Amino acid sequence: MSGPTKTMAALTGAALVLTTTYTVALGSSGWLWFGLVVLVVATIGMAAADSSVPASPRRRPPGDPGRPGTTQP
């Protein structure tokens, strides 16, 4: 996971703790839990998109000098 994805996951965890604390102290709020669910889904999507990106660009194989359109170094 990259830095922004880790930050998003940490903020989602903190939001879960705060939402749970609010619910215990003051009572349930449907909109607060709905917002948390949206945040969790966005975090999962961000983590899934981050895991599909290769770590580094692929190297191209060296060109065949016999093929047209390739250059010699």
N, C-alpha and C. Protein backbone atom coordinates (compact mmCIF):
# COMPACT_ATOMS: atom_id res chain seq x y z
N MET A 1 0.84 -1.18 0.00
CA MET A 1 0.00 0.00 0.00
C MET A 1 0.88 1.24 0.00
N SER A 2 0.45 2.24 -0.74
CA SER A 2 1.19 3.48 -0.80
C SER A 2 0.82 4.37 0.39
N GLY A 3 1.53 5.48 0.49
CA GLY A 3 1.31 6.40 1.61
C GLY A 3 -0.11 6.94 1.71
N PRO A 4 -0.67 7.44 0.60
CA PRO A 4 -2.05 7.96 0.69
C PRO A 4 -3.07 6.88 1.08
N THR A 5 -2.86 5.67 0.64
CA THR A 5 -3.80 4.59 0.99
C THR A 5 -3.70 4.26 2.48
N LYS A 6 -2.49 4.26 3.01
CA LYS A 6 -2.32 4.01 4.45
C LYS A 6 -2.96 5.13 5.27
N THR A 7 -2.81 6.36 4.81
CA THR A 7 -3.41 7.48 5.50
C THR A 7 -4.93 7.37 5.50
N MET A 8 -5.49 7.00 4.34
CA MET A 8 -6.95 6.83 4.24
C MET A 8 -7.43 5.72 5.17
N ALA A 9 -6.68 4.62 5.25
CA ALA A 9 -7.06 3.52 6.13
C ALA A 9 -7.00 3.96 7.60
N ALA A 10 -5.99 4.74 7.95
CA ALA A 10 -5.88 5.23 9.34
C ALA A 10 -7.02 6.17 9.67
N LEU A 11 -7.37 7.05 8.76
CA LEU A 11 -8.49 7.96 9.00
C LEU A 11 -9.81 7.21 9.09
N THR A 12 -9.96 6.15 8.31
CA THR A 12 -11.18 5.34 8.39
C THR A 12 -11.27 4.64 9.74
N GLY A 13 -10.14 4.13 10.22
CA GLY A 13 -10.12 3.50 11.55
C GLY A 13 -10.46 4.50 12.64
N ALA A 14 -9.91 5.71 12.54
CA ALA A 14 -10.21 6.74 13.52
C ALA A 14 -11.69 7.14 13.46
N ALA A 15 -12.24 7.21 12.26
CA ALA A 15 -13.66 7.54 12.12
C ALA A 15 -14.54 6.45 12.74
N LEU A 16 -14.12 5.19 12.61
CA LEU A 16 -14.87 4.10 13.24
C LEU A 16 -14.87 4.24 14.75
N VAL A 17 -13.72 4.54 15.31
CA VAL A 17 -13.63 4.72 16.77
C VAL A 17 -14.48 5.91 17.22
N LEU A 18 -14.40 7.02 16.51
CA LEU A 18 -15.18 8.20 16.88
C LEU A 18 -16.69 7.97 16.73
N THR A 19 -17.08 7.27 15.67
CA THR A 19 -18.50 6.99 15.46
C THR A 19 -19.03 6.07 16.56
N THR A 20 -18.25 5.07 16.90
CA THR A 20 -18.66 4.15 17.97
C THR A 20 -18.76 4.90 19.31
N THR A 21 -17.78 5.75 19.60
CA THR A 21 -17.79 6.52 20.84
C THR A 21 -19.00 7.45 20.89
N TYR A 22 -19.30 8.11 19.79
CA TYR A 22 -20.46 9.00 19.72
C TYR A 22 -21.75 8.22 19.96
N THR A 23 -21.84 7.03 19.34
CA THR A 23 -23.05 6.22 19.49
C THR A 23 -23.25 5.77 20.93
N VAL A 24 -22.16 5.38 21.59
CA VAL A 24 -22.27 4.94 22.98
C VAL A 24 -22.63 6.11 23.89
N ALA A 25 -22.03 7.26 23.66
CA ALA A 25 -22.23 8.40 24.55
C ALA A 25 -23.56 9.13 24.32
N LEU A 26 -23.92 9.35 23.04
CA LEU A 26 -25.06 10.22 22.76
C LEU A 26 -26.21 9.53 22.03
N GLY A 27 -26.02 8.31 21.62
CA GLY A 27 -27.07 7.61 20.90
C GLY A 27 -26.73 7.47 19.42
N SER A 28 -27.45 6.60 18.78
CA SER A 28 -27.15 6.28 17.39
C SER A 28 -27.57 7.40 16.44
N SER A 29 -26.77 7.56 15.40
CA SER A 29 -27.09 8.51 14.34
C SER A 29 -26.94 7.77 13.01
N GLY A 30 -28.06 7.62 12.31
CA GLY A 30 -28.03 6.87 11.06
C GLY A 30 -27.15 7.51 10.01
N TRP A 31 -27.17 8.85 9.92
CA TRP A 31 -26.35 9.53 8.93
C TRP A 31 -24.86 9.37 9.22
N LEU A 32 -24.51 9.33 10.50
CA LEU A 32 -23.10 9.14 10.87
C LEU A 32 -22.61 7.76 10.44
N TRP A 33 -23.43 6.75 10.68
CA TRP A 33 -23.06 5.39 10.27
C TRP A 33 -23.07 5.25 8.75
N PHE A 34 -24.00 5.92 8.09
CA PHE A 34 -24.03 5.88 6.63
C PHE A 34 -22.75 6.50 6.06
N GLY A 35 -22.33 7.64 6.63
CA GLY A 35 -21.09 8.27 6.20
C GLY A 35 -19.88 7.38 6.43
N LEU A 36 -19.88 6.66 7.54
CA LEU A 36 -18.79 5.74 7.82
C LEU A 36 -18.76 4.61 6.79
N VAL A 37 -19.91 4.08 6.43
CA VAL A 37 -19.97 3.01 5.44
C VAL A 37 -19.45 3.51 4.09
N VAL A 38 -19.82 4.73 3.71
CA VAL A 38 -19.32 5.30 2.46
C VAL A 38 -17.80 5.45 2.52
N LEU A 39 -17.28 5.89 3.65
CA LEU A 39 -15.83 6.04 3.82
C LEU A 39 -15.12 4.69 3.73
N VAL A 40 -15.71 3.66 4.33
CA VAL A 40 -15.11 2.33 4.28
C VAL A 40 -15.09 1.81 2.84
N VAL A 41 -16.18 1.99 2.11
CA VAL A 41 -16.23 1.54 0.72
C VAL A 41 -15.20 2.29 -0.12
N ALA A 42 -15.05 3.59 0.10
CA ALA A 42 -14.06 4.37 -0.64
C ALA A 42 -12.64 3.90 -0.31
N THR A 43 -12.40 3.56 0.95
CA THR A 43 -11.08 3.07 1.36
C THR A 43 -10.78 1.73 0.71
N ILE A 44 -11.77 0.84 0.67
CA ILE A 44 -11.57 -0.46 0.03
C ILE A 44 -11.29 -0.28 -1.46
N GLY A 45 -12.03 0.62 -2.10
CA GLY A 45 -11.79 0.89 -3.51
C GLY A 45 -10.41 1.47 -3.77
N MET A 46 -9.98 2.35 -2.89
CA MET A 46 -8.65 2.95 -3.03
C MET A 46 -7.55 1.89 -2.85
N ALA A 47 -7.74 0.99 -1.89
CA ALA A 47 -6.76 -0.07 -1.68
C ALA A 47 -6.73 -1.04 -2.85
N ALA A 48 -7.90 -1.34 -3.41
CA ALA A 48 -7.95 -2.25 -4.56
C ALA A 48 -7.29 -1.62 -5.78
N ALA A 49 -7.52 -0.35 -6.00
CA ALA A 49 -6.90 0.33 -7.14
C ALA A 49 -5.40 0.45 -6.95
N ASP A 50 -4.98 0.64 -5.72
CA ASP A 50 -3.56 0.78 -5.44
C ASP A 50 -2.83 -0.55 -5.63
N SER A 51 -3.49 -1.67 -5.33
CA SER A 51 -2.83 -2.96 -5.44
C SER A 51 -2.71 -3.43 -6.89
N SER A 52 -3.48 -2.83 -7.81
CA SER A 52 -3.42 -3.27 -9.20
C SER A 52 -2.35 -2.52 -9.99
N VAL A 53 -1.75 -1.49 -9.42
CA VAL A 53 -0.71 -0.73 -10.10
C VAL A 53 0.63 -1.43 -9.88
N PRO A 54 1.39 -1.71 -10.95
CA PRO A 54 2.68 -2.36 -10.75
C PRO A 54 3.64 -1.45 -9.99
N ALA A 55 4.55 -2.07 -9.26
CA ALA A 55 5.47 -1.31 -8.43
C ALA A 55 6.41 -0.45 -9.26
N SER A 56 6.84 -0.95 -10.40
CA SER A 56 7.73 -0.18 -11.26
C SER A 56 7.35 -0.45 -12.71
N PRO A 57 7.70 0.48 -13.60
CA PRO A 57 7.35 0.25 -15.01
C PRO A 57 8.13 -0.93 -15.58
N ARG A 58 7.51 -1.61 -16.51
CA ARG A 58 8.18 -2.75 -17.14
C ARG A 58 9.25 -2.26 -18.09
N ARG A 59 10.33 -3.00 -18.12
CA ARG A 59 11.41 -2.67 -19.04
C ARG A 59 11.11 -3.29 -20.40
N ARG A 60 11.38 -2.53 -21.44
CA ARG A 60 11.18 -3.05 -22.79
C ARG A 60 12.37 -3.92 -23.17
N PRO A 61 12.13 -5.00 -23.87
CA PRO A 61 13.26 -5.83 -24.30
C PRO A 61 14.08 -5.07 -25.34
N PRO A 62 15.37 -5.38 -25.43
CA PRO A 62 16.19 -4.68 -26.42
C PRO A 62 15.70 -5.00 -27.83
N GLY A 63 15.80 -4.00 -28.70
CA GLY A 63 15.33 -4.16 -30.07
C GLY A 63 16.22 -5.10 -30.86
N ASP A 64 15.63 -5.81 -31.79
CA ASP A 64 16.37 -6.71 -32.68
C ASP A 64 16.96 -5.87 -33.81
N PRO A 65 18.31 -5.87 -34.01
CA PRO A 65 18.89 -5.01 -35.04
C PRO A 65 18.44 -5.39 -36.46
N GLY A 66 17.93 -6.59 -36.66
CA GLY A 66 17.52 -7.00 -37.99
C GLY A 66 16.13 -6.52 -38.37
N ARG A 67 15.36 -6.06 -37.42
CA ARG A 67 14.00 -5.61 -37.72
C ARG A 67 13.99 -4.16 -38.14
N PRO A 68 13.17 -3.82 -39.13
CA PRO A 68 13.07 -2.41 -39.51
C PRO A 68 12.37 -1.61 -38.41
N GLY A 69 12.78 -0.36 -38.28
CA GLY A 69 12.15 0.51 -37.29
C GLY A 69 12.88 0.52 -35.96
N THR A 70 13.91 -0.29 -35.81
CA THR A 70 14.67 -0.29 -34.55
C THR A 70 15.98 0.42 -34.80
N THR A 71 16.53 0.99 -33.75
CA THR A 71 17.78 1.72 -33.88
C THR A 71 18.87 1.03 -33.08
N GLN A 72 20.08 1.21 -33.51
CA GLN A 72 21.24 0.68 -32.81
C GLN A 72 21.70 1.71 -31.78
N PRO A 73 22.12 1.28 -30.60
CA PRO A 73 22.63 2.25 -29.61
C PRO A 73 23.99 2.80 -29.99
